[in-house]
Amino acid sequence: MEPERIVFPTDYPIKVVARASEGLRERMDAVFVRHFGDFDAVKVTQRASAASNFVALTYLMWVTAEDQLGRLHADLRAEDGVMLVL
Protein backbone atom coordinates (compact mmCIF):
# COMPACT_ATOMS: atom_id res chain seq x y z
CA MET A 1 0.00 0.00 0.00
CA GLU A 2 1.37 3.40 -1.00
CA PRO A 3 1.44 6.24 1.56
CA GLU A 4 -1.18 8.94 1.08
CA ARG A 5 0.08 11.83 -1.07
CA ILE A 6 -0.43 15.46 -0.18
CA VAL A 7 -2.65 17.31 -2.65
CA PHE A 8 -1.33 20.79 -3.46
CA PRO A 9 -2.09 23.61 -2.97
CA THR A 10 -2.90 23.21 0.71
CA ASP A 11 -2.47 24.75 4.15
CA TYR A 12 0.49 22.86 5.57
CA PRO A 13 1.93 22.97 9.11
CA ILE A 14 5.73 23.24 9.23
CA LYS A 15 7.41 22.75 12.60
CA VAL A 16 10.92 24.00 13.38
CA VAL A 17 12.67 22.89 16.57
CA ALA A 18 15.76 24.92 17.44
CA ARG A 19 18.01 25.91 20.30
CA ALA A 20 16.55 28.92 22.09
CA SER A 21 18.51 32.03 21.14
CA GLU A 22 18.13 35.76 20.79
CA GLY A 23 16.48 36.63 17.47
CA LEU A 24 15.50 33.03 16.61
CA ARG A 25 11.91 33.90 15.69
CA GLU A 26 13.02 36.78 13.47
CA ARG A 27 15.56 34.59 11.66
CA MET A 28 13.02 31.85 11.05
CA ASP A 29 10.40 34.39 9.90
CA ALA A 30 12.95 35.75 7.39
CA VAL A 31 13.42 32.28 5.88
CA PHE A 32 9.65 31.88 5.49
CA VAL A 33 9.34 35.34 3.91
CA ARG A 34 11.99 34.35 1.34
CA HIS A 35 9.89 31.34 0.33
CA PHE A 36 6.33 32.60 0.78
CA GLY A 37 6.47 36.40 0.82
CA ASP A 38 4.73 38.18 3.67
CA PHE A 39 2.58 35.91 5.80
CA ASP A 40 0.11 36.19 8.66
CA ALA A 41 2.07 36.01 11.94
CA VAL A 42 -1.13 34.86 13.66
CA LYS A 43 -0.60 31.52 11.91
CA VAL A 44 2.62 30.92 13.88
CA THR A 45 2.73 29.28 17.30
CA GLN A 46 5.75 29.20 19.57
CA ARG A 47 6.41 26.89 22.50
CA ALA A 48 9.47 26.61 24.73
CA SER A 49 10.74 23.30 26.09
CA ALA A 50 10.36 22.56 29.81
CA ALA A 51 13.86 23.88 30.56
CA SER A 52 13.56 26.64 27.92
CA ASN A 53 16.63 25.33 26.08
CA PHE A 54 14.69 24.69 22.87
CA VAL A 55 11.83 26.36 21.02
CA ALA A 56 9.27 24.77 18.71
CA LEU A 57 7.81 27.09 16.09
CA THR A 58 4.88 25.90 13.98
CA TYR A 59 4.01 27.83 10.83
CA LEU A 60 0.76 27.17 8.97
CA MET A 61 1.57 28.09 5.37
CA TRP A 62 -0.24 27.91 2.02
CA VAL A 63 2.04 25.57 0.07
CA THR A 64 1.60 25.28 -3.69
CA ALA A 65 3.99 22.43 -4.59
CA GLU A 66 6.13 19.69 -3.07
CA ASP A 67 9.39 21.22 -4.33
CA GLN A 68 8.53 24.41 -2.43
CA LEU A 69 8.62 22.35 0.77
CA GLY A 70 11.95 20.78 -0.22
CA ARG A 71 13.63 24.14 -0.78
CA LEU A 72 12.21 25.53 2.46
CA HIS A 73 13.35 22.45 4.41
CA ALA A 74 16.91 22.79 3.07
CA ASP A 75 17.10 26.50 3.96
CA LEU A 76 15.71 25.93 7.46
CA ARG A 77 18.14 23.07 8.15
CA ALA A 78 21.02 25.35 7.12
CA GLU A 79 20.11 27.89 9.81
CA ASP A 80 22.30 27.90 12.93
CA GLY A 81 20.69 26.16 15.89
CA VAL A 82 17.94 24.35 13.98
CA MET A 83 17.70 20.78 15.22
CA LEU A 84 14.63 19.45 13.40
CA VAL A 85 12.22 20.45 10.64
CA LEU A 86 8.93 18.57 10.28
C-alpha atoms as a PDB file:
ATOM      1  CA  MET A   1       0.000   0.000   0.000  1.00  0.00           C
ATOM      2  CA  GLU A   2       1.367   3.399  -0.996  1.00  0.00           C
ATOM      3  CA  PRO A   3       1.437   6.240   1.557  1.00  0.00           C
ATOM      4  CA  GLU A   4      -1.179   8.936   1.082  1.00  0.00           C
ATOM      5  CA  ARG A   5       0.084  11.827  -1.071  1.00  0.00           C
ATOM      6  CA  ILE A   6      -0.428  15.457  -0.177  1.00  0.00           C
ATOM      7  CA  VAL A   7      -2.645  17.305  -2.648  1.00  0.00           C
ATOM      8  CA  PHE A   8      -1.334  20.790  -3.456  1.00  0.00           C
ATOM      9  CA  PRO A   9      -2.090  23.608  -2.972  1.00  0.00           C
ATOM     10  CA  THR A  10      -2.901  23.212   0.712  1.00  0.00           C
ATOM     11  CA  ASP A  11      -2.473  24.752   4.151  1.00  0.00           C
ATOM     12  CA  TYR A  12       0.490  22.865   5.569  1.00  0.00           C
ATOM     13  CA  PRO A  13       1.933  22.966   9.107  1.00  0.00           C
ATOM     14  CA  ILE A  14       5.729  23.236   9.234  1.00  0.00           C
ATOM     15  CA  LYS A  15       7.413  22.752  12.605  1.00  0.00           C
ATOM     16  CA  VAL A  16      10.922  23.999  13.378  1.00  0.00           C
ATOM     17  CA  VAL A  17      12.670  22.889  16.571  1.00  0.00           C
ATOM     18  CA  ALA A  18      15.760  24.921  17.436  1.00  0.00           C
ATOM     19  CA  ARG A  19      18.013  25.909  20.301  1.00  0.00           C
ATOM     20  CA  ALA A  20      16.552  28.918  22.094  1.00  0.00           C
ATOM     21  CA  SER A  21      18.506  32.031  21.139  1.00  0.00           C
ATOM     22  CA  GLU A  22      18.126  35.765  20.786  1.00  0.00           C
ATOM     23  CA  GLY A  23      16.476  36.631  17.475  1.00  0.00           C
ATOM     24  CA  LEU A  24      15.499  33.033  16.606  1.00  0.00           C
ATOM     25  CA  ARG A  25      11.912  33.899  15.689  1.00  0.00           C
ATOM     26  CA  GLU A  26      13.015  36.784  13.475  1.00  0.00           C
ATOM     27  CA  ARG A  27      15.565  34.592  11.657  1.00  0.00           C
ATOM     28  CA  MET A  28      13.016  31.851  11.047  1.00  0.00           C
ATOM     29  CA  ASP A  29      10.401  34.392   9.901  1.00  0.00           C
ATOM     30  CA  ALA A  30      12.947  35.755   7.394  1.00  0.00           C
ATOM     31  CA  VAL A  31      13.416  32.276   5.880  1.00  0.00           C
ATOM     32  CA  PHE A  32       9.649  31.877   5.493  1.00  0.00           C
ATOM     33  CA  VAL A  33       9.341  35.339   3.913  1.00  0.00           C
ATOM     34  CA  ARG A  34      11.990  34.347   1.336  1.00  0.00           C
ATOM     35  CA  HIS A  35       9.889  31.341   0.326  1.00  0.00           C
ATOM     36  CA  PHE A  36       6.325  32.605   0.783  1.00  0.00           C
ATOM     37  CA  GLY A  37       6.471  36.395   0.816  1.00  0.00           C
ATOM     38  CA  ASP A  38       4.727  38.180   3.666  1.00  0.00           C
ATOM     39  CA  PHE A  39       2.584  35.908   5.803  1.00  0.00           C
ATOM     40  CA  ASP A  40       0.108  36.187   8.660  1.00  0.00           C
ATOM     41  CA  ALA A  41       2.073  36.012  11.939  1.00  0.00           C
ATOM     42  CA  VAL A  42      -1.126  34.858  13.664  1.00  0.00           C
ATOM     43  CA  LYS A  43      -0.603  31.523  11.908  1.00  0.00           C
ATOM     44  CA  VAL A  44       2.616  30.923  13.879  1.00  0.00           C
ATOM     45  CA  THR A  45       2.729  29.282  17.295  1.00  0.00           C
ATOM     46  CA  GLN A  46       5.747  29.199  19.574  1.00  0.00           C
ATOM     47  CA  ARG A  47       6.408  26.892  22.499  1.00  0.00           C
ATOM     48  CA  ALA A  48       9.473  26.612  24.726  1.00  0.00           C
ATOM     49  CA  SER A  49      10.737  23.303  26.086  1.00  0.00           C
ATOM     50  CA  ALA A  50      10.363  22.564  29.812  1.00  0.00           C
ATOM     51  CA  ALA A  51      13.864  23.875  30.565  1.00  0.00           C
ATOM     52  CA  SER A  52      13.565  26.637  27.921  1.00  0.00           C
ATOM     53  CA  ASN A  53      16.634  25.327  26.078  1.00  0.00           C
ATOM     54  CA  PHE A  54      14.687  24.695  22.869  1.00  0.00           C
ATOM     55  CA  VAL A  55      11.832  26.361  21.021  1.00  0.00           C
ATOM     56  CA  ALA A  56       9.269  24.770  18.713  1.00  0.00           C
ATOM     57  CA  LEU A  57       7.807  27.092  16.089  1.00  0.00           C
ATOM     58  CA  THR A  58       4.877  25.901  13.981  1.00  0.00           C
ATOM     59  CA  TYR A  59       4.008  27.831  10.826  1.00  0.00           C
ATOM     60  CA  LEU A  60       0.757  27.174   8.965  1.00  0.00           C
ATOM     61  CA  MET A  61       1.566  28.086   5.368  1.00  0.00           C
ATOM     62  CA  TRP A  62      -0.241  27.908   2.020  1.00  0.00           C
ATOM     63  CA  VAL A  63       2.040  25.571   0.067  1.00  0.00           C
ATOM     64  CA  THR A  64       1.598  25.279  -3.688  1.00  0.00           C
ATOM     65  CA  ALA A  65       3.989  22.431  -4.592  1.00  0.00           C
ATOM     66  CA  GLU A  66       6.129  19.689  -3.066  1.00  0.00           C
ATOM     67  CA  ASP A  67       9.386  21.223  -4.328  1.00  0.00           C
ATOM     68  CA  GLN A  68       8.533  24.414  -2.431  1.00  0.00           C
ATOM     69  CA  LEU A  69       8.620  22.347   0.768  1.00  0.00           C
ATOM     70  CA  GLY A  70      11.945  20.777  -0.223  1.00  0.00           C
ATOM     71  CA  ARG A  71      13.635  24.140  -0.779  1.00  0.00           C
ATOM     72  CA  LEU A  72      12.212  25.532   2.463  1.00  0.00           C
ATOM     73  CA  HIS A  73      13.350  22.451   4.407  1.00  0.00           C
ATOM     74  CA  ALA A  74      16.912  22.794   3.073  1.00  0.00           C
ATOM     75  CA  ASP A  75      17.102  26.500   3.963  1.00  0.00           C
ATOM     76  CA  LEU A  76      15.705  25.934   7.457  1.00  0.00           C
ATOM     77  CA  ARG A  77      18.141  23.066   8.152  1.00  0.00           C
ATOM     78  CA  ALA A  78      21.023  25.351   7.120  1.00  0.00           C
ATOM     79  CA  GLU A  79      20.111  27.889   9.814  1.00  0.00           C
ATOM     80  CA  ASP A  80      22.298  27.904  12.926  1.00  0.00           C
ATOM     81  CA  GLY A  81      20.689  26.163  15.893  1.00  0.00           C
ATOM     82  CA  VAL A  82      17.942  24.352  13.975  1.00  0.00           C
ATOM     83  CA  MET A  83      17.697  20.778  15.217  1.00  0.00           C
ATOM     84  CA  LEU A  84      14.633  19.449  13.404  1.00  0.00           C
ATOM     85  CA  VAL A  85      12.221  20.454  10.643  1.00  0.00           C
ATOM     86  CA  LEU A  86       8.929  18.570  10.276  1.00  0.00           C
END
